N, C-alpha and C. Protein backbone atom coordinates (compact mmCIF):
# COMPACT_ATOMS: atom_id res chain seq x y z
N MET A 1 0.85 -1.18 0.00
CA MET A 1 0.00 0.00 0.00
C MET A 1 0.89 1.24 0.00
N VAL A 2 0.44 2.27 -0.67
CA VAL A 2 1.19 3.50 -0.79
C VAL A 2 0.52 4.57 0.06
N ASP A 3 1.34 5.25 0.83
CA ASP A 3 0.85 6.39 1.61
C ASP A 3 1.12 7.62 0.77
N GLY A 4 0.09 8.21 0.20
CA GLY A 4 0.25 9.35 -0.70
C GLY A 4 0.87 10.56 -0.06
N ARG A 5 0.98 10.56 1.28
CA ARG A 5 1.59 11.69 1.96
C ARG A 5 3.11 11.57 2.02
N SER A 6 3.65 10.41 1.69
CA SER A 6 5.09 10.21 1.69
C SER A 6 5.66 10.70 0.37
N ARG A 7 6.79 11.37 0.44
CA ARG A 7 7.43 11.92 -0.75
C ARG A 7 8.03 10.80 -1.63
N HIS A 8 8.43 9.71 -1.01
CA HIS A 8 9.17 8.66 -1.71
C HIS A 8 8.27 7.51 -2.13
N ALA A 9 8.51 7.03 -3.34
CA ALA A 9 7.77 5.87 -3.85
C ALA A 9 8.54 4.60 -3.48
N TYR A 10 7.83 3.60 -3.06
CA TYR A 10 8.46 2.32 -2.76
C TYR A 10 9.04 1.73 -4.03
N PRO A 11 10.12 0.92 -3.91
CA PRO A 11 10.73 0.33 -5.12
C PRO A 11 9.71 -0.41 -5.99
N SER A 12 8.79 -1.13 -5.40
CA SER A 12 7.80 -1.85 -6.20
C SER A 12 6.90 -0.88 -6.98
N LEU A 13 6.59 0.27 -6.40
CA LEU A 13 5.80 1.28 -7.09
C LEU A 13 6.60 1.90 -8.22
N ARG A 14 7.88 2.19 -7.99
CA ARG A 14 8.74 2.73 -9.04
C ARG A 14 8.80 1.76 -10.22
N ASP A 15 8.99 0.47 -9.91
CA ASP A 15 9.04 -0.54 -10.97
C ASP A 15 7.74 -0.60 -11.75
N TYR A 16 6.62 -0.54 -11.04
CA TYR A 16 5.32 -0.59 -11.70
C TYR A 16 5.12 0.62 -12.62
N VAL A 17 5.46 1.80 -12.14
CA VAL A 17 5.31 3.02 -12.95
C VAL A 17 6.20 2.94 -14.19
N GLU A 18 7.40 2.43 -14.04
CA GLU A 18 8.30 2.28 -15.19
C GLU A 18 7.72 1.30 -16.21
N ARG A 19 7.22 0.17 -15.75
CA ARG A 19 6.62 -0.82 -16.66
C ARG A 19 5.38 -0.24 -17.34
N LEU A 20 4.58 0.48 -16.59
CA LEU A 20 3.35 1.07 -17.11
C LEU A 20 3.62 2.00 -18.29
N HIS A 21 4.77 2.65 -18.28
CA HIS A 21 5.12 3.62 -19.32
C HIS A 21 6.18 3.08 -20.28
N GLY A 22 6.33 1.76 -20.34
CA GLY A 22 7.21 1.16 -21.35
C GLY A 22 8.69 1.34 -21.11
N HIS A 23 9.11 1.50 -19.86
CA HIS A 23 10.53 1.62 -19.51
C HIS A 23 11.21 2.79 -20.22
N GLU A 24 10.47 3.89 -20.38
CA GLU A 24 11.00 5.09 -21.02
C GLU A 24 10.71 6.31 -20.17
N CYS A 25 11.58 7.31 -20.27
CA CYS A 25 11.35 8.58 -19.60
C CYS A 25 10.09 9.21 -20.19
N PHE A 26 9.18 9.61 -19.35
CA PHE A 26 7.92 10.22 -19.78
C PHE A 26 8.15 11.51 -20.55
N TYR A 27 9.20 12.25 -20.21
CA TYR A 27 9.42 13.57 -20.80
C TYR A 27 10.24 13.55 -22.09
N CYS A 28 11.29 12.76 -22.17
CA CYS A 28 12.15 12.79 -23.36
C CYS A 28 12.15 11.48 -24.14
N GLY A 29 11.59 10.42 -23.56
CA GLY A 29 11.50 9.14 -24.25
C GLY A 29 12.73 8.27 -24.19
N VAL A 30 13.76 8.69 -23.46
CA VAL A 30 14.97 7.88 -23.39
C VAL A 30 14.62 6.54 -22.73
N ASP A 31 15.19 5.48 -23.29
CA ASP A 31 14.97 4.13 -22.79
C ASP A 31 15.78 3.91 -21.51
N ALA A 32 15.28 3.06 -20.63
CA ALA A 32 15.97 2.78 -19.36
C ALA A 32 17.39 2.28 -19.59
N VAL A 33 17.61 1.50 -20.65
CA VAL A 33 18.95 0.98 -20.94
C VAL A 33 19.88 2.12 -21.31
N VAL A 34 19.42 3.05 -22.13
CA VAL A 34 20.22 4.20 -22.52
C VAL A 34 20.51 5.08 -21.30
N ALA A 35 19.55 5.14 -20.39
CA ALA A 35 19.70 5.94 -19.18
C ALA A 35 20.52 5.18 -18.13
N LYS A 36 21.29 4.22 -18.60
CA LYS A 36 22.15 3.40 -17.74
C LYS A 36 21.35 2.67 -16.66
N GLY A 37 20.16 2.23 -17.06
CA GLY A 37 19.33 1.46 -16.15
C GLY A 37 18.62 2.27 -15.09
N TYR A 38 18.81 3.59 -15.12
CA TYR A 38 18.19 4.40 -14.08
C TYR A 38 17.04 5.23 -14.63
N LEU A 39 15.88 4.94 -14.17
CA LEU A 39 14.73 5.82 -14.35
C LEU A 39 14.13 5.96 -12.96
N GLY A 40 14.06 7.18 -12.50
CA GLY A 40 13.41 7.42 -11.23
C GLY A 40 11.94 7.70 -11.51
N VAL A 41 11.25 8.19 -10.52
CA VAL A 41 9.87 8.62 -10.74
C VAL A 41 9.78 10.09 -10.40
N ASP A 42 8.92 10.78 -11.11
CA ASP A 42 8.72 12.20 -10.90
C ASP A 42 7.26 12.43 -10.56
N HIS A 43 7.03 13.35 -9.65
CA HIS A 43 5.67 13.78 -9.35
C HIS A 43 5.27 14.80 -10.41
N VAL A 44 4.26 14.49 -11.22
CA VAL A 44 3.80 15.41 -12.25
C VAL A 44 3.36 16.71 -11.59
N ILE A 45 2.51 16.61 -10.58
CA ILE A 45 2.20 17.75 -9.72
C ILE A 45 3.20 17.64 -8.57
N PRO A 46 4.13 18.57 -8.47
CA PRO A 46 5.19 18.45 -7.47
C PRO A 46 4.65 18.20 -6.06
N PHE A 47 5.39 17.36 -5.33
CA PHE A 47 5.01 17.03 -3.96
C PHE A 47 4.88 18.30 -3.13
N CYS A 48 5.79 19.25 -3.34
CA CYS A 48 5.77 20.50 -2.57
C CYS A 48 4.55 21.36 -2.89
N ALA A 49 3.88 21.06 -4.02
CA ALA A 49 2.68 21.81 -4.41
C ALA A 49 1.42 21.01 -4.10
N GLY A 50 1.57 19.99 -3.29
CA GLY A 50 0.42 19.19 -2.88
C GLY A 50 0.18 17.93 -3.69
N GLY A 51 1.09 17.63 -4.62
CA GLY A 51 0.96 16.40 -5.41
C GLY A 51 1.17 15.18 -4.55
N MET A 52 0.38 14.18 -4.80
CA MET A 52 0.45 12.95 -4.00
C MET A 52 1.40 11.94 -4.64
N THR A 53 1.91 11.05 -3.80
CA THR A 53 2.70 9.93 -4.29
C THR A 53 1.71 8.81 -4.61
N ALA A 54 1.13 8.92 -5.81
CA ALA A 54 0.12 7.98 -6.27
C ALA A 54 0.37 7.71 -7.75
N ILE A 55 -0.02 6.54 -8.20
CA ILE A 55 0.22 6.14 -9.59
C ILE A 55 -0.23 7.21 -10.57
N GLU A 56 -1.35 7.85 -10.30
CA GLU A 56 -1.89 8.87 -11.21
C GLU A 56 -1.01 10.11 -11.31
N ASN A 57 -0.11 10.29 -10.34
CA ASN A 57 0.72 11.50 -10.31
C ASN A 57 2.20 11.19 -10.51
N LEU A 58 2.53 9.95 -10.82
CA LEU A 58 3.93 9.55 -10.97
C LEU A 58 4.21 9.11 -12.40
N VAL A 59 5.36 9.53 -12.91
CA VAL A 59 5.82 9.10 -14.24
C VAL A 59 7.29 8.75 -14.15
N PRO A 60 7.75 7.79 -15.00
CA PRO A 60 9.18 7.50 -15.02
C PRO A 60 9.94 8.69 -15.60
N CYS A 61 11.10 8.93 -15.07
CA CYS A 61 11.85 10.12 -15.46
C CYS A 61 13.35 9.85 -15.37
N CYS A 62 14.07 10.19 -16.45
CA CYS A 62 15.52 10.04 -16.41
C CYS A 62 16.11 11.12 -15.51
N GLU A 63 17.34 10.93 -15.12
CA GLU A 63 17.99 11.87 -14.20
C GLU A 63 18.11 13.27 -14.79
N VAL A 64 18.39 13.36 -16.09
CA VAL A 64 18.54 14.66 -16.75
C VAL A 64 17.23 15.44 -16.68
N CYS A 65 16.14 14.80 -17.10
CA CYS A 65 14.84 15.49 -17.07
C CYS A 65 14.40 15.80 -15.64
N ASN A 66 14.68 14.89 -14.73
CA ASN A 66 14.29 15.11 -13.34
C ASN A 66 14.99 16.35 -12.79
N GLN A 67 16.26 16.52 -13.10
CA GLN A 67 16.99 17.70 -12.63
C GLN A 67 16.49 18.96 -13.32
N LYS A 68 16.19 18.87 -14.61
CA LYS A 68 15.69 20.05 -15.34
C LYS A 68 14.32 20.48 -14.84
N LYS A 69 13.44 19.51 -14.58
CA LYS A 69 12.09 19.84 -14.15
C LYS A 69 12.09 20.35 -12.72
N GLY A 70 12.86 19.69 -11.86
CA GLY A 70 12.91 20.10 -10.46
C GLY A 70 11.52 20.16 -9.84
N LYS A 71 11.20 21.28 -9.22
CA LYS A 71 9.91 21.45 -8.57
C LYS A 71 8.92 22.24 -9.43
N ALA A 72 9.26 22.41 -10.69
CA ALA A 72 8.40 23.19 -11.59
C ALA A 72 7.13 22.43 -11.93
N PRO A 73 6.05 23.15 -12.13
CA PRO A 73 4.83 22.50 -12.62
C PRO A 73 5.08 21.97 -14.03
N LEU A 74 4.34 20.97 -14.42
CA LEU A 74 4.52 20.32 -15.72
C LEU A 74 4.43 21.33 -16.86
N SER A 75 3.47 22.23 -16.82
CA SER A 75 3.29 23.22 -17.90
C SER A 75 4.52 24.12 -18.06
N THR A 76 5.11 24.52 -16.96
CA THR A 76 6.32 25.36 -17.00
C THR A 76 7.48 24.59 -17.59
N PHE A 77 7.65 23.34 -17.17
CA PHE A 77 8.74 22.52 -17.69
C PHE A 77 8.60 22.29 -19.19
N LEU A 78 7.39 21.93 -19.63
CA LEU A 78 7.18 21.66 -21.05
C LEU A 78 7.34 22.90 -21.91
N ALA A 79 7.00 24.06 -21.37
CA ALA A 79 7.14 25.31 -22.11
C ALA A 79 8.61 25.64 -22.37
N LYS A 80 9.50 25.19 -21.50
CA LYS A 80 10.92 25.47 -21.63
C LYS A 80 11.62 24.50 -22.58
N LYS A 81 10.97 23.37 -22.88
CA LYS A 81 11.60 22.34 -23.72
C LYS A 81 11.77 22.79 -25.12
């Protein structure tokens, strides 16, 4: 079970989110293998802005995109791309 108030996703949740999105970064499409096996999860609505740690608000994200997006809302991040 996931506690949506926790900032961190459990490893099983991270794995599920990655599989759900085809093992690719949601933002740039890089494959997990190209990303050296690392895809984290990103809160589409940032946790600091009230976004929950729930499947509906999590997407797989490579380290580069995760750092670029930071705590920005999705619309702000996509506008800068």
